[in-house]
Amino acid sequence: MNTHKKELYKADGEDGLNIPGWKVKDVHFKNIITKEDNYEYSGFVVEITAERNFGYYIFKIMIPVIFLIVITWSVFWIKVSELQAKVNVTVVTLLALIAYNFIFEQDIPKLSYVTYLDVFILVSYFFAGTATILCIYSHWKYLISKKDQNIVGYYARRFGPISYVLINLLAIFLYI
């Protein structure tokens, strides 16, 4: 029986059982025999314990999305009076985020439940959209006060990126 287990685990040569995107940790199997009426059925059950290789998702999906969010929130270092420049940056990066989502959508598994990556992307959309709304609101405040610095930009510079990181850390603890 141990010889068979070793051969089963070595199904793909010296590297062992190979499942793309996964690291196989262990393989268990058992023979089963069931009887129904006058018939006897036999079967073979294989249980594979595997761990997803998540490096791809970090380097090919999450880091580029974080980079787009950093670009989006950089508009709060531009003068409040420069509404067109600020909105151009936020809308273009939001559209880039949407386009990038279409590119990597085929690389992620379609699951019936919400994963951390789903929450991460949703939070990123929310923060990209929020930056656009805050730019417009801060410009409206500028038109009223004629001051090129206002409280909206001040808090957005300080608490926007921090809240993005904190929400994603909270999601990590909830989903992983």
N, C-alpha and C. Protein backbone atom coordinates (compact mmCIF):
# COMPACT_ATOMS: atom_id res chain seq x y z
N MET A 1 0.83 -1.19 0.00
CA MET A 1 0.00 0.00 0.00
C MET A 1 0.87 1.26 0.00
N ASN A 2 1.95 1.32 0.77
CA ASN A 2 2.83 2.49 0.78
C ASN A 2 3.48 2.71 -0.57
N THR A 3 3.82 1.63 -1.27
CA THR A 3 4.43 1.77 -2.59
C THR A 3 3.45 2.45 -3.54
N HIS A 4 2.19 2.04 -3.46
CA HIS A 4 1.17 2.65 -4.33
C HIS A 4 1.01 4.14 -4.01
N LYS A 5 1.04 4.50 -2.73
CA LYS A 5 0.91 5.90 -2.33
C LYS A 5 2.07 6.72 -2.87
N LYS A 6 3.28 6.17 -2.79
CA LYS A 6 4.45 6.89 -3.31
C LYS A 6 4.33 7.07 -4.81
N GLU A 7 3.87 6.06 -5.51
CA GLU A 7 3.72 6.15 -6.96
C GLU A 7 2.61 7.15 -7.33
N LEU A 8 1.52 7.17 -6.56
CA LEU A 8 0.43 8.10 -6.82
C LEU A 8 0.91 9.54 -6.63
N TYR A 9 1.66 9.77 -5.59
CA TYR A 9 2.15 11.12 -5.34
C TYR A 9 3.17 11.55 -6.39
N LYS A 10 3.89 10.60 -6.95
CA LYS A 10 4.90 10.90 -7.96
C LYS A 10 4.32 10.84 -9.37
N ALA A 11 3.05 11.16 -9.52
CA ALA A 11 2.37 11.03 -10.80
C ALA A 11 3.02 11.86 -11.91
N ASP A 12 3.57 13.01 -11.57
CA ASP A 12 4.20 13.86 -12.59
C ASP A 12 5.71 13.89 -12.47
N GLY A 13 6.32 12.81 -12.21
CA GLY A 13 7.78 12.74 -12.14
C GLY A 13 8.30 13.12 -10.77
N GLU A 14 9.51 13.63 -10.73
CA GLU A 14 10.17 13.90 -9.45
C GLU A 14 9.53 15.04 -8.66
N ASP A 15 8.82 15.91 -9.33
CA ASP A 15 8.18 17.03 -8.64
C ASP A 15 6.90 16.63 -7.93
N GLY A 16 6.43 15.44 -8.14
CA GLY A 16 5.19 14.99 -7.51
C GLY A 16 3.97 15.42 -8.31
N LEU A 17 2.81 15.27 -7.71
CA LEU A 17 1.56 15.64 -8.35
C LEU A 17 1.57 17.13 -8.62
N ASN A 18 1.31 17.52 -9.85
CA ASN A 18 1.42 18.93 -10.24
C ASN A 18 0.05 19.46 -10.62
N ILE A 19 -0.44 20.43 -9.85
CA ILE A 19 -1.70 21.11 -10.17
C ILE A 19 -1.34 22.59 -10.32
N PRO A 20 -1.47 23.14 -11.53
CA PRO A 20 -1.09 24.54 -11.76
C PRO A 20 -1.78 25.49 -10.77
N GLY A 21 -1.00 26.36 -10.17
CA GLY A 21 -1.53 27.34 -9.22
C GLY A 21 -1.65 26.83 -7.80
N TRP A 22 -1.28 25.57 -7.57
CA TRP A 22 -1.42 24.96 -6.25
C TRP A 22 -0.14 24.24 -5.87
N LYS A 23 0.11 24.15 -4.58
CA LYS A 23 1.22 23.36 -4.05
C LYS A 23 0.60 22.17 -3.31
N VAL A 24 0.83 20.97 -3.82
CA VAL A 24 0.25 19.78 -3.21
C VAL A 24 1.01 19.48 -1.93
N LYS A 25 0.26 19.41 -0.83
CA LYS A 25 0.86 19.15 0.48
C LYS A 25 0.83 17.66 0.83
N ASP A 26 -0.29 17.00 0.52
CA ASP A 26 -0.42 15.60 0.90
C ASP A 26 -1.47 14.93 0.02
N VAL A 27 -1.32 13.62 -0.15
CA VAL A 27 -2.27 12.84 -0.92
C VAL A 27 -2.65 11.62 -0.09
N HIS A 28 -3.95 11.44 0.14
CA HIS A 28 -4.46 10.26 0.84
C HIS A 28 -5.43 9.55 -0.08
N PHE A 29 -5.52 8.26 0.06
CA PHE A 29 -6.45 7.51 -0.76
C PHE A 29 -6.97 6.32 0.03
N LYS A 30 -8.09 5.81 -0.44
CA LYS A 30 -8.62 4.61 0.18
C LYS A 30 -9.51 3.89 -0.82
N ASN A 31 -9.56 2.59 -0.67
CA ASN A 31 -10.48 1.76 -1.45
C ASN A 31 -11.78 1.68 -0.69
N ILE A 32 -12.89 1.76 -1.41
CA ILE A 32 -14.18 1.62 -0.74
C ILE A 32 -14.98 0.52 -1.45
N ILE A 33 -15.74 -0.18 -0.67
CA ILE A 33 -16.62 -1.23 -1.20
C ILE A 33 -18.00 -1.00 -0.60
N THR A 34 -18.99 -0.90 -1.46
CA THR A 34 -20.36 -0.71 -0.99
C THR A 34 -21.23 -1.81 -1.58
N LYS A 35 -22.22 -2.19 -0.82
CA LYS A 35 -23.15 -3.22 -1.28
C LYS A 35 -24.53 -2.60 -1.39
N GLU A 36 -25.18 -2.92 -2.48
CA GLU A 36 -26.54 -2.47 -2.69
C GLU A 36 -27.32 -3.63 -3.29
N ASP A 37 -28.34 -4.04 -2.61
CA ASP A 37 -29.11 -5.24 -2.99
C ASP A 37 -28.15 -6.42 -3.12
N ASN A 38 -28.09 -7.02 -4.29
CA ASN A 38 -27.22 -8.18 -4.51
C ASN A 38 -25.91 -7.80 -5.21
N TYR A 39 -25.66 -6.51 -5.35
CA TYR A 39 -24.48 -6.07 -6.09
C TYR A 39 -23.45 -5.45 -5.15
N GLU A 40 -22.21 -5.64 -5.50
CA GLU A 40 -21.11 -5.06 -4.73
C GLU A 40 -20.34 -4.12 -5.66
N TYR A 41 -20.13 -2.90 -5.18
CA TYR A 41 -19.41 -1.90 -5.95
C TYR A 41 -18.12 -1.56 -5.23
N SER A 42 -17.08 -1.36 -6.01
CA SER A 42 -15.82 -0.93 -5.39
C SER A 42 -15.39 0.38 -6.04
N GLY A 43 -14.67 1.16 -5.27
CA GLY A 43 -14.20 2.45 -5.77
C GLY A 43 -12.90 2.86 -5.12
N PHE A 44 -12.41 3.96 -5.59
CA PHE A 44 -11.13 4.47 -5.12
C PHE A 44 -11.31 5.96 -4.86
N VAL A 45 -11.05 6.41 -3.64
CA VAL A 45 -11.21 7.82 -3.26
C VAL A 45 -9.82 8.42 -3.04
N VAL A 46 -9.56 9.52 -3.69
CA VAL A 46 -8.29 10.23 -3.52
C VAL A 46 -8.58 11.58 -2.89
N GLU A 47 -7.89 11.89 -1.80
CA GLU A 47 -8.03 13.17 -1.12
C GLU A 47 -6.70 13.90 -1.24
N ILE A 48 -6.75 15.08 -1.86
CA ILE A 48 -5.53 15.87 -2.09
C ILE A 48 -5.62 17.12 -1.23
N THR A 49 -4.61 17.33 -0.40
CA THR A 49 -4.51 18.54 0.40
C THR A 49 -3.55 19.46 -0.34
N ALA A 50 -4.05 20.65 -0.71
CA ALA A 50 -3.24 21.57 -1.51
C ALA A 50 -3.36 22.98 -0.95
N GLU A 51 -2.37 23.78 -1.28
CA GLU A 51 -2.31 25.18 -0.85
C GLU A 51 -2.14 26.03 -2.10
N ARG A 52 -2.97 27.08 -2.21
CA ARG A 52 -2.88 27.94 -3.40
C ARG A 52 -1.58 28.74 -3.38
N ASN A 53 -0.92 28.80 -4.53
CA ASN A 53 0.24 29.67 -4.70
C ASN A 53 -0.28 31.08 -4.94
N PHE A 54 -0.11 31.97 -3.96
CA PHE A 54 -0.72 33.29 -4.06
C PHE A 54 0.24 34.37 -4.55
N GLY A 55 1.49 34.04 -4.79
CA GLY A 55 2.45 35.04 -5.26
C GLY A 55 2.01 35.72 -6.54
N TYR A 56 1.44 34.96 -7.46
CA TYR A 56 0.95 35.51 -8.72
C TYR A 56 -0.06 36.63 -8.46
N TYR A 57 -0.99 36.38 -7.56
CA TYR A 57 -2.06 37.34 -7.29
C TYR A 57 -1.50 38.62 -6.66
N ILE A 58 -0.48 38.48 -5.84
CA ILE A 58 0.11 39.66 -5.21
C ILE A 58 0.86 40.50 -6.24
N PHE A 59 1.73 39.86 -7.03
CA PHE A 59 2.59 40.62 -7.94
C PHE A 59 1.91 41.03 -9.24
N LYS A 60 0.97 40.25 -9.72
CA LYS A 60 0.35 40.56 -11.01
C LYS A 60 -0.99 41.28 -10.89
N ILE A 61 -1.62 41.23 -9.72
CA ILE A 61 -2.93 41.87 -9.56
C ILE A 61 -2.90 42.95 -8.49
N MET A 62 -2.52 42.58 -7.27
CA MET A 62 -2.66 43.51 -6.15
C MET A 62 -1.69 44.70 -6.21
N ILE A 63 -0.44 44.47 -6.49
CA ILE A 63 0.53 45.58 -6.53
C ILE A 63 0.18 46.59 -7.62
N PRO A 64 -0.18 46.16 -8.86
CA PRO A 64 -0.61 47.16 -9.84
C PRO A 64 -1.86 47.94 -9.42
N VAL A 65 -2.81 47.27 -8.76
CA VAL A 65 -4.02 47.95 -8.30
C VAL A 65 -3.66 48.98 -7.22
N ILE A 66 -2.78 48.60 -6.30
CA ILE A 66 -2.34 49.54 -5.26
C ILE A 66 -1.65 50.74 -5.91
N PHE A 67 -0.84 50.50 -6.93
CA PHE A 67 -0.18 51.59 -7.64
C PHE A 67 -1.21 52.54 -8.26
N LEU A 68 -2.28 52.00 -8.84
CA LEU A 68 -3.33 52.86 -9.40
C LEU A 68 -4.03 53.67 -8.31
N ILE A 69 -4.23 53.07 -7.16
CA ILE A 69 -4.88 53.80 -6.06
C ILE A 69 -3.96 54.92 -5.55
N VAL A 70 -2.67 54.66 -5.48
CA VAL A 70 -1.71 55.70 -5.07
C VAL A 70 -1.76 56.87 -6.05
N ILE A 71 -1.81 56.57 -7.33
CA ILE A 71 -1.91 57.63 -8.34
C ILE A 71 -3.21 58.41 -8.14
N THR A 72 -4.30 57.70 -7.90
CA THR A 72 -5.59 58.36 -7.71
C THR A 72 -5.56 59.32 -6.53
N TRP A 73 -5.03 58.87 -5.41
CA TRP A 73 -5.04 59.71 -4.21
C TRP A 73 -3.93 60.76 -4.22
N SER A 74 -3.05 60.72 -5.19
CA SER A 74 -2.02 61.77 -5.29
C SER A 74 -2.61 63.11 -5.69
N VAL A 75 -3.85 63.12 -6.19
CA VAL A 75 -4.47 64.38 -6.60
C VAL A 75 -4.68 65.34 -5.44
N PHE A 76 -4.65 64.86 -4.23
CA PHE A 76 -4.86 65.74 -3.09
C PHE A 76 -3.62 66.56 -2.75
N TRP A 77 -2.56 66.39 -3.53
CA TRP A 77 -1.39 67.26 -3.42
C TRP A 77 -1.37 68.29 -4.55
N ILE A 78 -2.40 68.27 -5.39
CA ILE A 78 -2.58 69.28 -6.44
C ILE A 78 -3.48 70.37 -5.88
N LYS A 79 -3.27 71.60 -6.33
CA LYS A 79 -4.08 72.72 -5.85
C LYS A 79 -5.57 72.44 -6.06
N VAL A 80 -6.38 72.86 -5.11
CA VAL A 80 -7.82 72.65 -5.17
C VAL A 80 -8.43 73.34 -6.38
N SER A 81 -7.86 74.46 -6.79
CA SER A 81 -8.40 75.21 -7.92
C SER A 81 -8.23 74.47 -9.25
N GLU A 82 -7.37 73.47 -9.31
CA GLU A 82 -7.09 72.72 -10.54
C GLU A 82 -8.03 71.53 -10.68
N LEU A 83 -9.31 71.79 -10.74
CA LEU A 83 -10.31 70.72 -10.77
C LEU A 83 -10.14 69.82 -11.99
N GLN A 84 -9.92 70.40 -13.16
CA GLN A 84 -9.83 69.59 -14.37
C GLN A 84 -8.67 68.59 -14.28
N ALA A 85 -7.53 69.03 -13.81
CA ALA A 85 -6.38 68.13 -13.70
C ALA A 85 -6.66 67.01 -12.69
N LYS A 86 -7.26 67.38 -11.58
CA LYS A 86 -7.54 66.39 -10.53
C LYS A 86 -8.57 65.35 -10.99
N VAL A 87 -9.65 65.83 -11.61
CA VAL A 87 -10.68 64.91 -12.07
C VAL A 87 -10.16 64.04 -13.22
N ASN A 88 -9.34 64.61 -14.10
CA ASN A 88 -8.74 63.81 -15.17
C ASN A 88 -7.94 62.64 -14.61
N VAL A 89 -7.12 62.93 -13.61
CA VAL A 89 -6.30 61.87 -13.02
C VAL A 89 -7.17 60.82 -12.36
N THR A 90 -8.15 61.24 -11.56
CA THR A 90 -8.97 60.26 -10.84
C THR A 90 -9.83 59.42 -11.79
N VAL A 91 -10.42 60.05 -12.79
CA VAL A 91 -11.28 59.31 -13.73
C VAL A 91 -10.44 58.36 -14.59
N VAL A 92 -9.30 58.83 -15.06
CA VAL A 92 -8.44 57.96 -15.88
C VAL A 92 -7.95 56.76 -15.08
N THR A 93 -7.56 56.97 -13.83
CA THR A 93 -7.10 55.83 -13.04
C THR A 93 -8.26 54.90 -12.68
N LEU A 94 -9.46 55.45 -12.48
CA LEU A 94 -10.63 54.59 -12.25
C LEU A 94 -10.92 53.75 -13.49
N LEU A 95 -10.85 54.36 -14.66
CA LEU A 95 -11.04 53.60 -15.90
C LEU A 95 -9.92 52.58 -16.11
N ALA A 96 -8.70 52.94 -15.75
CA ALA A 96 -7.59 51.97 -15.85
C ALA A 96 -7.82 50.79 -14.91
N LEU A 97 -8.34 51.06 -13.74
CA LEU A 97 -8.66 49.99 -12.78
C LEU A 97 -9.73 49.06 -13.35
N ILE A 98 -10.74 49.63 -13.97
CA ILE A 98 -11.80 48.82 -14.58
C ILE A 98 -11.24 48.00 -15.74
N ALA A 99 -10.42 48.63 -16.59
CA ALA A 99 -9.83 47.90 -17.72
C ALA A 99 -8.91 46.79 -17.22
N TYR A 100 -8.13 47.08 -16.21
CA TYR A 100 -7.22 46.07 -15.66
C TYR A 100 -8.01 44.90 -15.07
N ASN A 101 -9.16 45.20 -14.48
CA ASN A 101 -10.02 44.14 -13.94
C ASN A 101 -10.46 43.19 -15.05
N PHE A 102 -10.79 43.72 -16.22
CA PHE A 102 -11.17 42.87 -17.35
C PHE A 102 -10.00 42.01 -17.81
N ILE A 103 -8.78 42.52 -17.71
CA ILE A 103 -7.60 41.77 -18.14
C ILE A 103 -7.35 40.58 -17.23
N PHE A 104 -7.34 40.79 -15.93
CA PHE A 104 -7.01 39.69 -15.03
C PHE A 104 -8.22 38.87 -14.60
N GLU A 105 -9.42 39.27 -15.01
CA GLU A 105 -10.63 38.54 -14.62
C GLU A 105 -10.58 37.07 -15.04
N GLN A 106 -9.99 36.79 -16.20
CA GLN A 106 -9.93 35.41 -16.67
C GLN A 106 -8.88 34.59 -15.93
N ASP A 107 -8.00 35.24 -15.17
CA ASP A 107 -6.96 34.54 -14.43
C ASP A 107 -7.39 34.13 -13.02
N ILE A 108 -8.51 34.64 -12.56
CA ILE A 108 -8.95 34.29 -11.21
C ILE A 108 -10.13 33.31 -11.31
N PRO A 109 -10.20 32.39 -10.38
CA PRO A 109 -11.28 31.39 -10.44
C PRO A 109 -12.64 32.01 -10.18
N LYS A 110 -13.65 31.50 -10.84
CA LYS A 110 -15.03 31.94 -10.63
C LYS A 110 -15.59 31.13 -9.47
N LEU A 111 -15.81 31.79 -8.35
CA LEU A 111 -16.27 31.10 -7.14
C LEU A 111 -17.64 31.65 -6.73
N SER A 112 -18.39 30.85 -6.03
CA SER A 112 -19.72 31.25 -5.61
C SER A 112 -19.71 32.05 -4.30
N TYR A 113 -18.56 32.25 -3.73
CA TYR A 113 -18.44 33.00 -2.48
C TYR A 113 -17.43 34.12 -2.65
N VAL A 114 -17.47 35.07 -1.72
CA VAL A 114 -16.59 36.25 -1.79
C VAL A 114 -15.24 35.91 -1.19
N THR A 115 -14.18 36.25 -1.90
CA THR A 115 -12.81 36.02 -1.42
C THR A 115 -12.17 37.35 -1.02
N TYR A 116 -10.99 37.26 -0.44
CA TYR A 116 -10.27 38.48 -0.09
C TYR A 116 -9.96 39.31 -1.33
N LEU A 117 -9.60 38.66 -2.43
CA LEU A 117 -9.29 39.39 -3.65
C LEU A 117 -10.51 40.16 -4.15
N ASP A 118 -11.70 39.58 -4.04
CA ASP A 118 -12.93 40.28 -4.42
C ASP A 118 -13.12 41.53 -3.56
N VAL A 119 -12.92 41.40 -2.26
CA VAL A 119 -13.07 42.54 -1.34
C VAL A 119 -12.01 43.59 -1.65
N PHE A 120 -10.78 43.16 -1.89
CA PHE A 120 -9.68 44.08 -2.22
C PHE A 120 -10.03 44.91 -3.46
N ILE A 121 -10.53 44.26 -4.51
CA ILE A 121 -10.88 44.97 -5.74
C ILE A 121 -12.05 45.92 -5.50
N LEU A 122 -13.06 45.47 -4.76
CA LEU A 122 -14.21 46.31 -4.47
C LEU A 122 -13.81 47.54 -3.65
N VAL A 123 -12.97 47.36 -2.65
CA VAL A 123 -12.48 48.48 -1.84
C VAL A 123 -11.68 49.44 -2.72
N SER A 124 -10.89 48.90 -3.64
CA SER A 124 -10.09 49.75 -4.54
C SER A 124 -10.99 50.57 -5.45
N TYR A 125 -12.05 49.97 -5.99
CA TYR A 125 -13.02 50.73 -6.79
C TYR A 125 -13.64 51.85 -5.95
N PHE A 126 -14.04 51.52 -4.75
CA PHE A 126 -14.66 52.49 -3.86
C PHE A 126 -13.72 53.67 -3.60
N PHE A 127 -12.46 53.39 -3.31
CA PHE A 127 -11.51 54.46 -3.00
C PHE A 127 -11.18 55.29 -4.25
N ALA A 128 -11.13 54.66 -5.41
CA ALA A 128 -10.88 55.42 -6.64
C ALA A 128 -12.06 56.35 -6.93
N GLY A 129 -13.27 55.86 -6.75
CA GLY A 129 -14.45 56.69 -6.94
C GLY A 129 -14.58 57.78 -5.90
N THR A 130 -14.25 57.45 -4.66
CA THR A 130 -14.31 58.42 -3.57
C THR A 130 -13.36 59.58 -3.82
N ALA A 131 -12.19 59.30 -4.37
CA ALA A 131 -11.23 60.38 -4.66
C ALA A 131 -11.83 61.36 -5.65
N THR A 132 -12.53 60.89 -6.65
CA THR A 132 -13.16 61.77 -7.64
C THR A 132 -14.22 62.64 -6.96
N ILE A 133 -15.06 62.02 -6.16
CA ILE A 133 -16.13 62.76 -5.46
C ILE A 133 -15.54 63.80 -4.52
N LEU A 134 -14.49 63.43 -3.78
CA LEU A 134 -13.85 64.38 -2.86
C LEU A 134 -13.19 65.54 -3.60
N CYS A 135 -12.64 65.27 -4.78
CA CYS A 135 -12.05 66.36 -5.58
C CYS A 135 -13.12 67.37 -5.98
N ILE A 136 -14.25 66.88 -6.42
CA ILE A 136 -15.34 67.77 -6.82
C ILE A 136 -15.86 68.54 -5.61
N TYR A 137 -16.02 67.85 -4.49
CA TYR A 137 -16.50 68.52 -3.28
C TYR A 137 -15.51 69.57 -2.78
N SER A 138 -14.22 69.25 -2.81
CA SER A 138 -13.23 70.22 -2.35
C SER A 138 -13.17 71.43 -3.28
N HIS A 139 -13.40 71.21 -4.58
CA HIS A 139 -13.43 72.35 -5.51
C HIS A 139 -14.66 73.22 -5.23
N TRP A 140 -15.78 72.60 -4.92
CA TRP A 140 -16.99 73.36 -4.57
C TRP A 140 -16.72 74.22 -3.33
N LYS A 141 -16.02 73.63 -2.33
CA LYS A 141 -15.65 74.39 -1.12
C LYS A 141 -14.71 75.54 -1.50
N TYR A 142 -13.82 75.30 -2.46
CA TYR A 142 -12.90 76.35 -2.93
C TYR A 142 -13.68 77.50 -3.56
N LEU A 143 -14.68 77.17 -4.37
CA LEU A 143 -15.47 78.23 -5.02
C LEU A 143 -16.18 79.11 -4.00
N ILE A 144 -16.56 78.54 -2.88
CA ILE A 144 -17.23 79.30 -1.82
C ILE A 144 -16.23 80.15 -1.05
N SER A 145 -15.09 79.55 -0.66
CA SER A 145 -14.15 80.24 0.23
C SER A 145 -13.01 80.95 -0.50
N LYS A 146 -12.74 80.56 -1.74
CA LYS A 146 -11.61 81.09 -2.53
C LYS A 146 -10.25 80.81 -1.90
N LYS A 147 -10.18 79.83 -1.00
CA LYS A 147 -8.92 79.41 -0.40
C LYS A 147 -8.46 78.15 -1.12
N ASP A 148 -7.17 78.17 -1.53
CA ASP A 148 -6.65 77.04 -2.31
C ASP A 148 -6.36 75.81 -1.44
N GLN A 149 -6.48 75.94 -0.14
CA GLN A 149 -6.36 74.80 0.77
C GLN A 149 -7.65 74.71 1.56
N ASN A 150 -8.16 73.50 1.69
CA ASN A 150 -9.35 73.35 2.52
C ASN A 150 -9.27 72.05 3.31
N ILE A 151 -10.21 71.91 4.21
CA ILE A 151 -10.21 70.79 5.16
C ILE A 151 -10.38 69.44 4.45
N VAL A 152 -11.08 69.42 3.31
CA VAL A 152 -11.31 68.17 2.58
C VAL A 152 -9.97 67.60 2.10
N GLY A 153 -9.17 68.44 1.46
CA GLY A 153 -7.87 67.99 0.98
C GLY A 153 -6.94 67.59 2.11
N TYR A 154 -7.01 68.34 3.19
CA TYR A 154 -6.16 68.05 4.36
C TYR A 154 -6.45 66.65 4.89
N TYR A 155 -7.74 66.35 5.13
CA TYR A 155 -8.09 65.04 5.66
C TYR A 155 -7.91 63.92 4.62
N ALA A 156 -8.16 64.24 3.36
CA ALA A 156 -7.98 63.22 2.31
C ALA A 156 -6.52 62.80 2.20
N ARG A 157 -5.60 63.77 2.29
CA ARG A 157 -4.16 63.44 2.22
C ARG A 157 -3.73 62.56 3.38
N ARG A 158 -4.27 62.82 4.54
CA ARG A 158 -3.83 62.10 5.74
C ARG A 158 -4.58 60.79 5.98
N PHE A 159 -5.88 60.83 5.81
CA PHE A 159 -6.68 59.66 6.21
C PHE A 159 -7.13 58.77 5.06
N GLY A 160 -7.07 59.25 3.84
CA GLY A 160 -7.47 58.42 2.69
C GLY A 160 -6.58 57.19 2.55
N PRO A 161 -5.27 57.37 2.34
CA PRO A 161 -4.40 56.20 2.20
C PRO A 161 -4.36 55.32 3.45
N ILE A 162 -4.40 55.94 4.62
CA ILE A 162 -4.38 55.16 5.87
C ILE A 162 -5.63 54.30 5.98
N SER A 163 -6.79 54.88 5.66
CA SER A 163 -8.03 54.10 5.75
C SER A 163 -8.06 52.99 4.70
N TYR A 164 -7.49 53.22 3.52
CA TYR A 164 -7.40 52.17 2.49
C TYR A 164 -6.60 50.98 3.01
N VAL A 165 -5.46 51.27 3.60
CA VAL A 165 -4.61 50.21 4.15
C VAL A 165 -5.31 49.50 5.31
N LEU A 166 -5.92 50.25 6.21
CA LEU A 166 -6.59 49.65 7.38
C LEU A 166 -7.78 48.77 6.96
N ILE A 167 -8.57 49.23 6.01
CA ILE A 167 -9.70 48.42 5.55
C ILE A 167 -9.21 47.13 4.91
N ASN A 168 -8.14 47.21 4.14
CA ASN A 168 -7.61 45.99 3.52
C ASN A 168 -6.98 45.06 4.55
N LEU A 169 -6.35 45.61 5.58
CA LEU A 169 -5.82 44.76 6.65
C LEU A 169 -6.96 44.07 7.40
N LEU A 170 -8.03 44.80 7.64
CA LEU A 170 -9.20 44.20 8.29
C LEU A 170 -9.76 43.07 7.43
N ALA A 171 -9.84 43.31 6.12
CA ALA A 171 -10.33 42.26 5.21
C ALA A 171 -9.42 41.05 5.21
N ILE A 172 -8.11 41.27 5.33
CA ILE A 172 -7.18 40.13 5.40
C ILE A 172 -7.51 39.27 6.61
N PHE A 173 -7.71 39.90 7.75
CA PHE A 173 -8.01 39.14 8.96
C PHE A 173 -9.37 38.44 8.88
N LEU A 174 -10.32 39.02 8.16
CA LEU A 174 -11.63 38.41 8.04
C LEU A 174 -11.66 37.26 7.02
N TYR A 175 -10.85 37.35 5.97
CA TYR A 175 -10.93 36.38 4.88
C TYR A 175 -9.80 35.36 4.83
N ILE A 176 -8.72 35.64 5.50
CA ILE A 176 -7.58 34.71 5.40
C ILE A 176 -7.36 34.02 6.70
